[in-house]
Amino acid sequence: MLRLINAFRNSVRAFGRLVRFEAAFQQEVFLLLLSLPVGWFLARTWRGYALLVGSLVVLMIVEVLNTAVEAACNALSREFNPDIQLAKDCGSLAVLLAVILAAGVWLLALVDLFLGT
């Protein structure tokens, strides 16, 4: 049980640090909070609502992992290294793909709402 409590404390510490210092994460938290009421009116089903909100949660998860990769790379070396550059670029690509996924889910929900079946 102590291990779970410590893991929770570590997670809360990371969340607080990301909310204070990472602009992208701040924007994603804002989008998530905004999506809760907007998604409720946009979605036609509970599953649709879960998909809308979940797509933004996935985006946040990818952003957290990208930040972790960047922090680890920066701790290793701040000098140019092609392998470190690749690791950071892959993290950025993962975030971009998550943004495309979330945007696609929300766009399809809007199309469904306005063109409905």
C-alpha atoms as a PDB file:
ATOM      1  CA  MET A   1       0.000   0.000   0.000  1.00  0.00           C
ATOM      2  CA  LEU A   2       2.873   2.361   0.772  1.00  0.00           C
ATOM      3  CA  ARG A   3       4.204   1.847  -2.748  1.00  0.00           C
ATOM      4  CA  LEU A   4       0.874   3.001  -4.207  1.00  0.00           C
ATOM      5  CA  ILE A   5       0.804   6.045  -1.958  1.00  0.00           C
ATOM      6  CA  ASN A   6       4.344   6.999  -2.985  1.00  0.00           C
ATOM      7  CA  ALA A   7       3.526   6.470  -6.662  1.00  0.00           C
ATOM      8  CA  PHE A   8       0.481   8.713  -6.277  1.00  0.00           C
ATOM      9  CA  ARG A   9       2.593  11.423  -4.594  1.00  0.00           C
ATOM     10  CA  ASN A  10       5.150  11.233  -7.420  1.00  0.00           C
ATOM     11  CA  SER A  11       2.371  11.555  -9.981  1.00  0.00           C
ATOM     12  CA  VAL A  12       0.869  14.570  -8.233  1.00  0.00           C
ATOM     13  CA  ARG A  13       4.317  16.195  -8.052  1.00  0.00           C
ATOM     14  CA  ALA A  14       4.847  15.629 -11.789  1.00  0.00           C
ATOM     15  CA  PHE A  15       1.377  16.962 -12.612  1.00  0.00           C
ATOM     16  CA  GLY A  16       2.005  20.098 -10.558  1.00  0.00           C
ATOM     17  CA  ARG A  17       5.343  20.709 -12.199  1.00  0.00           C
ATOM     18  CA  LEU A  18       3.949  20.229 -15.702  1.00  0.00           C
ATOM     19  CA  VAL A  19       1.010  22.536 -14.998  1.00  0.00           C
ATOM     20  CA  ARG A  20       3.364  25.236 -13.702  1.00  0.00           C
ATOM     21  CA  PHE A  21       6.163  25.049 -16.270  1.00  0.00           C
ATOM     22  CA  GLU A  22       5.056  23.292 -19.497  1.00  0.00           C
ATOM     23  CA  ALA A  23       3.006  25.533 -21.791  1.00  0.00           C
ATOM     24  CA  ALA A  24       1.851  22.666 -24.014  1.00  0.00           C
ATOM     25  CA  PHE A  25       0.602  20.706 -21.004  1.00  0.00           C
ATOM     26  CA  GLN A  26      -1.176  23.795 -19.666  1.00  0.00           C
ATOM     27  CA  GLN A  27      -2.989  24.157 -22.989  1.00  0.00           C
ATOM     28  CA  GLU A  28      -3.948  20.491 -22.979  1.00  0.00           C
ATOM     29  CA  VAL A  29      -5.321  20.709 -19.427  1.00  0.00           C
ATOM     30  CA  PHE A  30      -7.390  23.709 -20.539  1.00  0.00           C
ATOM     31  CA  LEU A  31      -8.649  21.762 -23.570  1.00  0.00           C
ATOM     32  CA  LEU A  32      -9.534  18.795 -21.382  1.00  0.00           C
ATOM     33  CA  LEU A  33     -11.475  20.969 -18.947  1.00  0.00           C
ATOM     34  CA  LEU A  34     -13.243  22.660 -21.846  1.00  0.00           C
ATOM     35  CA  SER A  35     -14.003  19.305 -23.465  1.00  0.00           C
ATOM     36  CA  LEU A  36     -15.927  18.021 -20.444  1.00  0.00           C
ATOM     37  CA  PRO A  37     -19.003  20.246 -20.943  1.00  0.00           C
ATOM     38  CA  VAL A  38     -18.615  20.717 -24.717  1.00  0.00           C
ATOM     39  CA  GLY A  39     -18.220  16.992 -25.324  1.00  0.00           C
ATOM     40  CA  TRP A  40     -21.337  16.347 -23.261  1.00  0.00           C
ATOM     41  CA  PHE A  41     -23.434  18.384 -25.699  1.00  0.00           C
ATOM     42  CA  LEU A  42     -21.575  17.225 -28.800  1.00  0.00           C
ATOM     43  CA  ALA A  43     -21.665  13.487 -28.195  1.00  0.00           C
ATOM     44  CA  ARG A  44     -24.758  11.469 -28.933  1.00  0.00           C
ATOM     45  CA  THR A  45     -23.838   8.550 -26.681  1.00  0.00           C
ATOM     46  CA  TRP A  46     -21.785   7.812 -23.584  1.00  0.00           C
ATOM     47  CA  ARG A  47     -19.303   5.991 -25.812  1.00  0.00           C
ATOM     48  CA  GLY A  48     -19.007   9.038 -28.026  1.00  0.00           C
ATOM     49  CA  TYR A  49     -18.416  11.223 -24.991  1.00  0.00           C
ATOM     50  CA  ALA A  50     -15.753   8.841 -23.702  1.00  0.00           C
ATOM     51  CA  LEU A  51     -14.075   8.872 -27.108  1.00  0.00           C
ATOM     52  CA  LEU A  52     -14.043  12.673 -27.274  1.00  0.00           C
ATOM     53  CA  VAL A  53     -12.645  13.143 -23.782  1.00  0.00           C
ATOM     54  CA  GLY A  54     -10.424  10.076 -24.042  1.00  0.00           C
ATOM     55  CA  SER A  55      -8.747  11.376 -27.188  1.00  0.00           C
ATOM     56  CA  LEU A  56      -7.599  14.418 -25.216  1.00  0.00           C
ATOM     57  CA  VAL A  57      -6.455  12.257 -22.309  1.00  0.00           C
ATOM     58  CA  VAL A  58      -4.375  10.226 -24.789  1.00  0.00           C
ATOM     59  CA  LEU A  59      -2.884  13.490 -26.072  1.00  0.00           C
ATOM     60  CA  MET A  60      -1.957  14.457 -22.511  1.00  0.00           C
ATOM     61  CA  ILE A  61      -0.396  11.047 -21.866  1.00  0.00           C
ATOM     62  CA  VAL A  62       1.751  11.386 -24.978  1.00  0.00           C
ATOM     63  CA  GLU A  63       2.738  14.932 -23.939  1.00  0.00           C
ATOM     64  CA  VAL A  64       3.785  13.670 -20.497  1.00  0.00           C
ATOM     65  CA  LEU A  65       5.914  10.929 -22.067  1.00  0.00           C
ATOM     66  CA  ASN A  66       7.435  13.416 -24.528  1.00  0.00           C
ATOM     67  CA  THR A  67       8.361  15.706 -21.638  1.00  0.00           C
ATOM     68  CA  ALA A  68       9.919  12.741 -19.820  1.00  0.00           C
ATOM     69  CA  VAL A  69      12.029  11.877 -22.870  1.00  0.00           C
ATOM     70  CA  GLU A  70      13.167  15.485 -23.212  1.00  0.00           C
ATOM     71  CA  ALA A  71      14.034  15.740 -19.523  1.00  0.00           C
ATOM     72  CA  ALA A  72      16.015  12.502 -19.623  1.00  0.00           C
ATOM     73  CA  CYS A  73      17.854  13.602 -22.754  1.00  0.00           C
ATOM     74  CA  ASN A  74      18.665  16.993 -21.234  1.00  0.00           C
ATOM     75  CA  ALA A  75      19.934  15.326 -18.070  1.00  0.00           C
ATOM     76  CA  LEU A  76      22.202  13.124 -20.155  1.00  0.00           C
ATOM     77  CA  SER A  77      23.729  15.901 -22.236  1.00  0.00           C
ATOM     78  CA  ARG A  78      22.879  19.318 -23.558  1.00  0.00           C
ATOM     79  CA  GLU A  79      25.451  19.063 -26.332  1.00  0.00           C
ATOM     80  CA  PHE A  80      24.287  18.116 -29.813  1.00  0.00           C
ATOM     81  CA  ASN A  81      23.994  14.395 -30.307  1.00  0.00           C
ATOM     82  CA  PRO A  82      22.158  12.875 -33.291  1.00  0.00           C
ATOM     83  CA  ASP A  83      20.687  10.085 -31.144  1.00  0.00           C
ATOM     84  CA  ILE A  84      19.341  12.579 -28.614  1.00  0.00           C
ATOM     85  CA  GLN A  85      17.956  14.686 -31.445  1.00  0.00           C
ATOM     86  CA  LEU A  86      16.189  11.612 -32.840  1.00  0.00           C
ATOM     87  CA  ALA A  87      14.717  10.759 -29.431  1.00  0.00           C
ATOM     88  CA  LYS A  88      13.372  14.302 -29.023  1.00  0.00           C
ATOM     89  CA  ASP A  89      12.083  14.410 -32.606  1.00  0.00           C
ATOM     90  CA  CYS A  90      10.289  11.090 -32.122  1.00  0.00           C
ATOM     91  CA  GLY A  91       8.655  12.453 -28.989  1.00  0.00           C
ATOM     92  CA  SER A  92       7.495  15.497 -30.931  1.00  0.00           C
ATOM     93  CA  LEU A  93       6.162  13.263 -33.700  1.00  0.00           C
ATOM     94  CA  ALA A  94       4.226  11.224 -31.145  1.00  0.00           C
ATOM     95  CA  VAL A  95       2.599  14.412 -29.850  1.00  0.00           C
ATOM     96  CA  LEU A  96       1.751  15.499 -33.399  1.00  0.00           C
ATOM     97  CA  LEU A  97       0.124  12.136 -34.121  1.00  0.00           C
ATOM     98  CA  ALA A  98      -1.883  12.380 -30.892  1.00  0.00           C
ATOM     99  CA  VAL A  99      -3.023  15.892 -31.883  1.00  0.00           C
ATOM    100  CA  ILE A 100      -4.123  14.578 -35.301  1.00  0.00           C
ATOM    101  CA  LEU A 101      -5.982  11.725 -33.611  1.00  0.00           C
ATOM    102  CA  ALA A 102      -7.791  14.037 -31.177  1.00  0.00           C
ATOM    103  CA  ALA A 103      -8.609  16.563 -33.898  1.00  0.00           C
ATOM    104  CA  GLY A 104      -9.961  13.789 -36.111  1.00  0.00           C
ATOM    105  CA  VAL A 105     -12.189  12.415 -33.357  1.00  0.00           C
ATOM    106  CA  TRP A 106     -13.599  15.864 -32.595  1.00  0.00           C
ATOM    107  CA  LEU A 107     -14.042  16.686 -36.288  1.00  0.00           C
ATOM    108  CA  LEU A 108     -15.944  13.459 -36.887  1.00  0.00           C
ATOM    109  CA  ALA A 109     -18.177  14.213 -33.891  1.00  0.00           C
ATOM    110  CA  LEU A 110     -18.930  17.661 -35.326  1.00  0.00           C
ATOM    111  CA  VAL A 111     -19.696  16.216 -38.752  1.00  0.00           C
ATOM    112  CA  ASP A 112     -21.964  13.623 -37.139  1.00  0.00           C
ATOM    113  CA  LEU A 113     -23.744  16.321 -35.146  1.00  0.00           C
ATOM    114  CA  PHE A 114     -24.426  18.574 -38.126  1.00  0.00           C
ATOM    115  CA  LEU A 115     -24.957  15.972 -40.825  1.00  0.00           C
ATOM    116  CA  GLY A 116     -26.340  13.342 -38.409  1.00  0.00           C
ATOM    117  CA  THR A 117     -27.893  10.077 -39.316  1.00  0.00           C
END
